[in-house]
C-alpha atoms as a PDB file:
ATOM      1  CA  UNK A   1      25.822 -18.179  17.880  1.00  0.00           C
ATOM      2  CA  UNK A   2      25.741 -14.339  17.489  1.00  0.00           C
ATOM      3  CA  UNK A   3      22.948 -12.810  15.153  1.00  0.00           C
ATOM      4  CA  UNK A   4      24.015  -9.071  14.188  1.00  0.00           C
ATOM      5  CA  UNK A   5      20.921  -6.779  13.671  1.00  0.00           C
ATOM      6  CA  UNK A   6      21.108  -3.745  11.334  1.00  0.00           C
ATOM      7  CA  UNK A   7      18.127  -1.417  11.596  1.00  0.00           C
ATOM      8  CA  UNK A   8      16.779  -0.289   8.269  1.00  0.00           C
ATOM      9  CA  UNK A   9      14.395   3.028   7.720  1.00  0.00           C
ATOM     10  CA  UNK A  10      11.456   0.816   7.776  1.00  0.00           C
ATOM     11  CA  UNK A  11      10.217   0.418  11.412  1.00  0.00           C
ATOM     12  CA  UNK A  12      10.187  -3.445  12.181  1.00  0.00           C
ATOM     13  CA  UNK A  13      12.478  -4.606   9.196  1.00  0.00           C
ATOM     14  CA  UNK A  14      16.085  -5.508   9.893  1.00  0.00           C
ATOM     15  CA  UNK A  15      19.162  -6.929   7.899  1.00  0.00           C
ATOM     16  CA  UNK A  16      20.273  -9.717   9.802  1.00  0.00           C
ATOM     17  CA  UNK A  17      23.947 -11.322   9.513  1.00  0.00           C
ATOM     18  CA  UNK A  18      24.610 -14.720  11.106  1.00  0.00           C
ATOM     19  CA  UNK A  19      27.832 -15.872  12.252  1.00  0.00           C
ATOM     20  CA  UNK A  20      29.650 -17.932   9.710  1.00  0.00           C
ATOM     21  CA  UNK A  21      32.154 -20.217  10.622  1.00  0.00           C
ATOM     22  CA  UNK A  22      34.780 -21.267   7.754  1.00  0.00           C
ATOM     23  CA  UNK A  23      37.805 -22.544   7.145  1.00  0.00           C
ATOM     24  CA  UNK A  24      39.730 -24.761   3.960  1.00  0.00           C
ATOM     25  CA  UNK A  25      36.783 -27.035   3.760  1.00  0.00           C
ATOM     26  CA  UNK A  26      33.980 -24.628   3.603  1.00  0.00           C
ATOM     27  CA  UNK A  27      31.932 -22.962   6.200  1.00  0.00           C
ATOM     28  CA  UNK A  28      28.755 -23.440   8.588  1.00  0.00           C
ATOM     29  CA  UNK A  29      26.405 -21.025   9.534  1.00  0.00           C
ATOM     30  CA  UNK A  30      23.164 -21.192  11.825  1.00  0.00           C
ATOM     31  CA  UNK A  31      20.702 -19.697   9.440  1.00  0.00           C
ATOM     32  CA  UNK A  32      17.783 -19.931  11.822  1.00  0.00           C
ATOM     33  CA  UNK A  33      17.378 -19.881  15.491  1.00  0.00           C
ATOM     34  CA  UNK A  34      13.969 -19.034  17.095  1.00  0.00           C
ATOM     35  CA  UNK A  35      15.423 -17.726  20.138  1.00  0.00           C
ATOM     36  CA  UNK A  36      18.051 -15.291  18.381  1.00  0.00           C
ATOM     37  CA  UNK A  37      15.679 -14.413  15.587  1.00  0.00           C
ATOM     38  CA  UNK A  38      13.091 -13.244  18.580  1.00  0.00           C
ATOM     39  CA  UNK A  39      15.660 -11.471  20.743  1.00  0.00           C
ATOM     40  CA  UNK A  40      17.196  -9.810  17.736  1.00  0.00           C
ATOM     41  CA  UNK A  41      13.846  -8.325  15.996  1.00  0.00           C
ATOM     42  CA  UNK A  42      11.215  -8.617  18.759  1.00  0.00           C
ATOM     43  CA  UNK A  43       9.226 -10.585  16.550  1.00  0.00           C
ATOM     44  CA  UNK A  44       6.834 -13.107  18.361  1.00  0.00           C
ATOM     45  CA  UNK A  45       5.805 -14.873  14.948  1.00  0.00           C
ATOM     46  CA  UNK A  46       5.803 -18.422  13.872  1.00  0.00           C
ATOM     47  CA  UNK A  47       6.944 -19.482  10.442  1.00  0.00           C
ATOM     48  CA  UNK A  48       4.355 -21.896   8.643  1.00  0.00           C
ATOM     49  CA  UNK A  49       5.918 -22.327   5.085  1.00  0.00           C
ATOM     50  CA  UNK A  50       9.216 -22.177   3.400  1.00  0.00           C
ATOM     51  CA  UNK A  51       9.678 -21.474  -0.336  1.00  0.00           C
ATOM     52  CA  UNK A  52      12.586 -21.697  -2.786  1.00  0.00           C
ATOM     53  CA  UNK A  53      12.485 -19.995  -6.351  1.00  0.00           C
ATOM     54  CA  UNK A  54      15.442 -19.950  -9.025  1.00  0.00           C
ATOM     55  CA  UNK A  55      15.609 -17.308 -11.181  1.00  0.00           C
ATOM     56  CA  UNK A  56      18.042 -15.948 -13.904  1.00  0.00           C
ATOM     57  CA  UNK A  57      20.030 -12.723 -14.573  1.00  0.00           C
ATOM     58  CA  UNK A  58      17.711  -9.781 -14.615  1.00  0.00           C
ATOM     59  CA  UNK A  59      14.558 -11.370 -13.432  1.00  0.00           C
ATOM     60  CA  UNK A  60      12.278  -8.999 -11.216  1.00  0.00           C
ATOM     61  CA  UNK A  61       9.814 -10.330  -8.823  1.00  0.00           C
ATOM     62  CA  UNK A  62       7.412  -8.040  -6.841  1.00  0.00           C
ATOM     63  CA  UNK A  63       6.043  -6.162  -5.219  1.00  0.00           C
ATOM     64  CA  UNK A  64       4.088  -8.571  -3.458  1.00  0.00           C
ATOM     65  CA  UNK A  65       2.055  -8.433  -0.208  1.00  0.00           C
ATOM     66  CA  UNK A  66      -1.160 -10.386   1.054  1.00  0.00           C
ATOM     67  CA  UNK A  67      -3.716  -7.786   2.209  1.00  0.00           C
ATOM     68  CA  UNK A  68      -5.153 -10.476   4.215  1.00  0.00           C
ATOM     69  CA  UNK A  69      -3.215 -12.981   5.974  1.00  0.00           C
ATOM     70  CA  UNK A  70      -0.035 -10.982   5.584  1.00  0.00           C
ATOM     71  CA  UNK A  71       2.981 -12.690   5.480  1.00  0.00           C
ATOM     72  CA  UNK A  72       6.451 -11.971   7.279  1.00  0.00           C
ATOM     73  CA  UNK A  73       9.371 -13.357   5.493  1.00  0.00           C
ATOM     74  CA  UNK A  74      12.570 -14.226   6.289  1.00  0.00           C
ATOM     75  CA  UNK A  75      14.706 -14.004   3.113  1.00  0.00           C
ATOM     76  CA  UNK A  76      18.200 -15.277   2.276  1.00  0.00           C
ATOM     77  CA  UNK A  77      20.161 -16.362  -0.743  1.00  0.00           C
ATOM     78  CA  UNK A  78      21.973 -19.538  -1.228  1.00  0.00           C
ATOM     79  CA  UNK A  79      23.322 -19.103  -4.569  1.00  0.00           C
ATOM     80  CA  UNK A  80      23.962 -16.020  -6.592  1.00  0.00           C
ATOM     81  CA  UNK A  81      22.779 -12.266  -5.593  1.00  0.00           C
ATOM     82  CA  UNK A  82      19.836 -10.525  -5.465  1.00  0.00           C
ATOM     83  CA  UNK A  83      18.916  -6.949  -4.497  1.00  0.00           C
ATOM     84  CA  UNK A  84      16.134  -7.241  -2.117  1.00  0.00           C
ATOM     85  CA  UNK A  85      13.507  -4.443  -1.595  1.00  0.00           C
ATOM     86  CA  UNK A  86      10.954  -4.015   0.891  1.00  0.00           C
ATOM     87  CA  UNK A  87       8.241  -0.951   0.869  1.00  0.00           C
ATOM     88  CA  UNK A  88       5.954  -0.100   3.875  1.00  0.00           C
ATOM     89  CA  UNK A  89       2.462  -0.233   3.095  1.00  0.00           C
ATOM     90  CA  UNK A  90       1.205   0.060   6.752  1.00  0.00           C
ATOM     91  CA  UNK A  91      -0.839   3.277   6.533  1.00  0.00           C
ATOM     92  CA  UNK A  92      -0.311   3.854  10.384  1.00  0.00           C
ATOM     93  CA  UNK A  93       3.560   3.420  10.442  1.00  0.00           C
ATOM     94  CA  UNK A  94       6.192   5.860  10.759  1.00  0.00           C
ATOM     95  CA  UNK A  95       7.648   4.614   7.657  1.00  0.00           C
ATOM     96  CA  UNK A  96       4.717   4.489   5.438  1.00  0.00           C
ATOM     97  CA  UNK A  97       5.663   4.892   1.859  1.00  0.00           C
ATOM     98  CA  UNK A  98       9.460   4.411   2.572  1.00  0.00           C
ATOM     99  CA  UNK A  99      11.399   1.611   0.900  1.00  0.00           C
ATOM    100  CA  UNK A 100      14.709  -0.056   1.734  1.00  0.00           C
ATOM    101  CA  UNK A 101      16.919  -2.269  -0.470  1.00  0.00           C
ATOM    102  CA  UNK A 102      19.767  -4.535   0.371  1.00  0.00           C
ATOM    103  CA  UNK A 103      22.131  -7.016  -1.693  1.00  0.00           C
ATOM    104  CA  UNK A 104      21.668 -10.100  -0.393  1.00  0.00           C
ATOM    105  CA  UNK A 105      24.104 -13.118  -1.826  1.00  0.00           C
ATOM    106  CA  UNK A 106      25.684 -16.402  -1.353  1.00  0.00           C
ATOM    107  CA  UNK A 107      29.155 -14.564  -0.089  1.00  0.00           C
ATOM    108  CA  UNK A 108      27.356 -12.024   2.458  1.00  0.00           C
ATOM    109  CA  UNK A 109      25.064 -14.786   4.151  1.00  0.00           C
ATOM    110  CA  UNK A 110      22.736 -11.617   5.158  1.00  0.00           C
ATOM    111  CA  UNK A 111      19.341 -12.085   5.628  1.00  0.00           C
ATOM    112  CA  UNK A 112      16.380  -9.794   5.528  1.00  0.00           C
ATOM    113  CA  UNK A 113      13.554  -9.645   7.948  1.00  0.00           C
ATOM    114  CA  UNK A 114      10.507  -8.147   6.134  1.00  0.00           C
ATOM    115  CA  UNK A 115       7.657  -7.876   8.696  1.00  0.00           C
ATOM    116  CA  UNK A 116       3.804  -8.325   7.608  1.00  0.00           C
ATOM    117  CA  UNK A 117       2.164  -5.119   6.201  1.00  0.00           C
ATOM    118  CA  UNK A 118       5.316  -4.623   3.949  1.00  0.00           C
ATOM    119  CA  UNK A 119       5.479  -5.242   0.047  1.00  0.00           C
ATOM    120  CA  UNK A 120       8.418  -7.338  -1.233  1.00  0.00           C
ATOM    121  CA  UNK A 121      10.574  -7.779  -4.528  1.00  0.00           C
ATOM    122  CA  UNK A 122      13.970  -8.922  -5.739  1.00  0.00           C
ATOM    123  CA  UNK A 123      16.031  -8.055  -8.710  1.00  0.00           C
ATOM    124  CA  UNK A 124      18.508 -11.061  -9.584  1.00  0.00           C
ATOM    125  CA  UNK A 125      22.045  -9.718 -10.227  1.00  0.00           C
ATOM    126  CA  UNK A 126      23.713 -12.783 -10.912  1.00  0.00           C
ATOM    127  CA  UNK A 127      23.681 -15.513 -13.863  1.00  0.00           C
ATOM    128  CA  UNK A 128      21.339 -17.812 -11.886  1.00  0.00           C
ATOM    129  CA  UNK A 129      20.073 -17.258  -8.159  1.00  0.00           C
ATOM    130  CA  UNK A 130      18.262 -19.617  -5.303  1.00  0.00           C
ATOM    131  CA  UNK A 131      16.259 -17.481  -3.524  1.00  0.00           C
ATOM    132  CA  UNK A 132      14.752 -18.951   0.009  1.00  0.00           C
ATOM    133  CA  UNK A 133      12.286 -17.434   2.552  1.00  0.00           C
ATOM    134  CA  UNK A 134      10.071 -18.426   5.564  1.00  0.00           C
ATOM    135  CA  UNK A 135       7.061 -16.922   5.647  1.00  0.00           C
ATOM    136  CA  UNK A 136       4.636 -16.378   8.871  1.00  0.00           C
ATOM    137  CA  UNK A 137       1.344 -17.185   7.038  1.00  0.00           C
ATOM    138  CA  UNK A 138       0.232 -19.479   4.188  1.00  0.00           C
ATOM    139  CA  UNK A 139       0.378 -18.122   0.433  1.00  0.00           C
ATOM    140  CA  UNK A 140      -3.129 -16.859  -0.645  1.00  0.00           C
ATOM    141  CA  UNK A 141      -3.378 -16.011  -4.119  1.00  0.00           C
ATOM    142  CA  UNK A 142      -6.870 -14.425  -3.636  1.00  0.00           C
ATOM    143  CA  UNK A 143      -5.270 -11.761  -1.340  1.00  0.00           C
ATOM    144  CA  UNK A 144      -2.250 -11.258  -3.078  1.00  0.00           C
ATOM    145  CA  UNK A 145      -1.566  -7.657  -4.459  1.00  0.00           C
ATOM    146  CA  UNK A 146       1.154  -6.151  -6.536  1.00  0.00           C
ATOM    147  CA  UNK A 147       2.691  -2.682  -6.637  1.00  0.00           C
ATOM    148  CA  UNK A 148       4.551  -1.990  -9.821  1.00  0.00           C
ATOM    149  CA  UNK A 149       8.177  -2.142  -9.538  1.00  0.00           C
ATOM    150  CA  UNK A 150       9.061   1.360 -11.335  1.00  0.00           C
ATOM    151  CA  UNK A 151       6.602   3.672  -9.770  1.00  0.00           C
ATOM    152  CA  UNK A 152       8.098   7.014  -9.424  1.00  0.00           C
ATOM    153  CA  UNK A 153       6.114   7.954  -6.022  1.00  0.00           C
ATOM    154  CA  UNK A 154       8.354   5.334  -4.391  1.00  0.00           C
ATOM    155  CA  UNK A 155      11.411   5.846  -6.455  1.00  0.00           C
ATOM    156  CA  UNK A 156      13.163   2.655  -5.883  1.00  0.00           C
ATOM    157  CA  UNK A 157      16.659   3.159  -6.999  1.00  0.00           C
ATOM    158  CA  UNK A 158      17.137  -0.644  -8.466  1.00  0.00           C
ATOM    159  CA  UNK A 159      20.794  -1.135  -9.639  1.00  0.00           C
ATOM    160  CA  UNK A 160      20.253  -1.722 -13.065  1.00  0.00           C
ATOM    161  CA  UNK A 161      22.735   0.239 -15.037  1.00  0.00           C
ATOM    162  CA  UNK A 162      25.318  -0.960 -12.297  1.00  0.00           C
ATOM    163  CA  UNK A 163      24.691  -4.630 -13.035  1.00  0.00           C
ATOM    164  CA  UNK A 164      24.797  -4.321 -17.031  1.00  0.00           C
ATOM    165  CA  UNK A 165      20.898  -4.463 -17.171  1.00  0.00           C
ATOM    166  CA  UNK A 166      18.543  -1.860 -19.260  1.00  0.00           C
ATOM    167  CA  UNK A 167      15.141  -3.611 -17.993  1.00  0.00           C
ATOM    168  CA  UNK A 168      14.357  -6.195 -15.960  1.00  0.00           C
ATOM    169  CA  UNK A 169      12.343  -9.433 -17.171  1.00  0.00           C
ATOM    170  CA  UNK A 170       8.995  -9.083 -15.295  1.00  0.00           C
ATOM    171  CA  UNK A 171       6.116 -11.704 -15.317  1.00  0.00           C
ATOM    172  CA  UNK A 172       2.710 -10.451 -16.741  1.00  0.00           C
ATOM    173  CA  UNK A 173       1.184 -10.028 -12.934  1.00  0.00           C
ATOM    174  CA  UNK A 174       4.152  -8.001 -12.046  1.00  0.00           C
ATOM    175  CA  UNK A 175       3.966  -5.840 -15.076  1.00  0.00           C
ATOM    176  CA  UNK A 176       0.644  -4.915 -14.571  1.00  0.00           C
ATOM    177  CA  UNK A 177       1.126  -4.025 -10.875  1.00  0.00           C
ATOM    178  CA  UNK A 178      -0.393  -1.037  -9.607  1.00  0.00           C
ATOM    179  CA  UNK A 179       0.895   2.287  -8.642  1.00  0.00           C
ATOM    180  CA  UNK A 180       1.395   2.855  -4.918  1.00  0.00           C
ATOM    181  CA  UNK A 181      -1.336   5.643  -4.954  1.00  0.00           C
ATOM    182  CA  UNK A 182      -3.627   3.076  -6.229  1.00  0.00           C
ATOM    183  CA  UNK A 183      -2.710   0.475  -3.776  1.00  0.00           C
ATOM    184  CA  UNK A 184      -4.747  -1.238  -0.876  1.00  0.00           C
ATOM    185  CA  UNK A 185      -2.938  -0.363   2.309  1.00  0.00           C
ATOM    186  CA  UNK A 186      -2.704  -1.958   5.925  1.00  0.00           C
ATOM    187  CA  UNK A 187      -4.262   0.279   8.481  1.00  0.00           C
END
């Protein structure tokens, strides 16, 4: 199985395109292979938790990270589509403060590797989306932090208008996220 790797503007973050075999019956794809993942990304981390969320059109989740017990996330969509975003909050990184976004969908089968030290979020583009992700550490709510989705200092260009959306649907926690300049950073 070949795993195509696409570098992004953030150090260590990659878009992954697994090989998909399809015919009239449907398709088959190997969604995770430890050897292939490590060879493609250089990440020597173990995944300890799998998560799934279902969200409706216009929901925006994030930008989340854990200041302690940081989580690397391998994310993908099995139904629907999202615009997935990562922001580098590693002060010592060459890409500190940069963001990158990628559309993940059931059609393109893309995955996004978001290494530890990045804030992560996504905007749901389809009527209903199932979002799956593997994490390298356990969820620790006491260490979770949130950067507000529309901070002008970061300047994320969420594709709201292109998808007929005026404003995203946010949780109270996400609406109360901090500005990037007020956030806690990794060294």
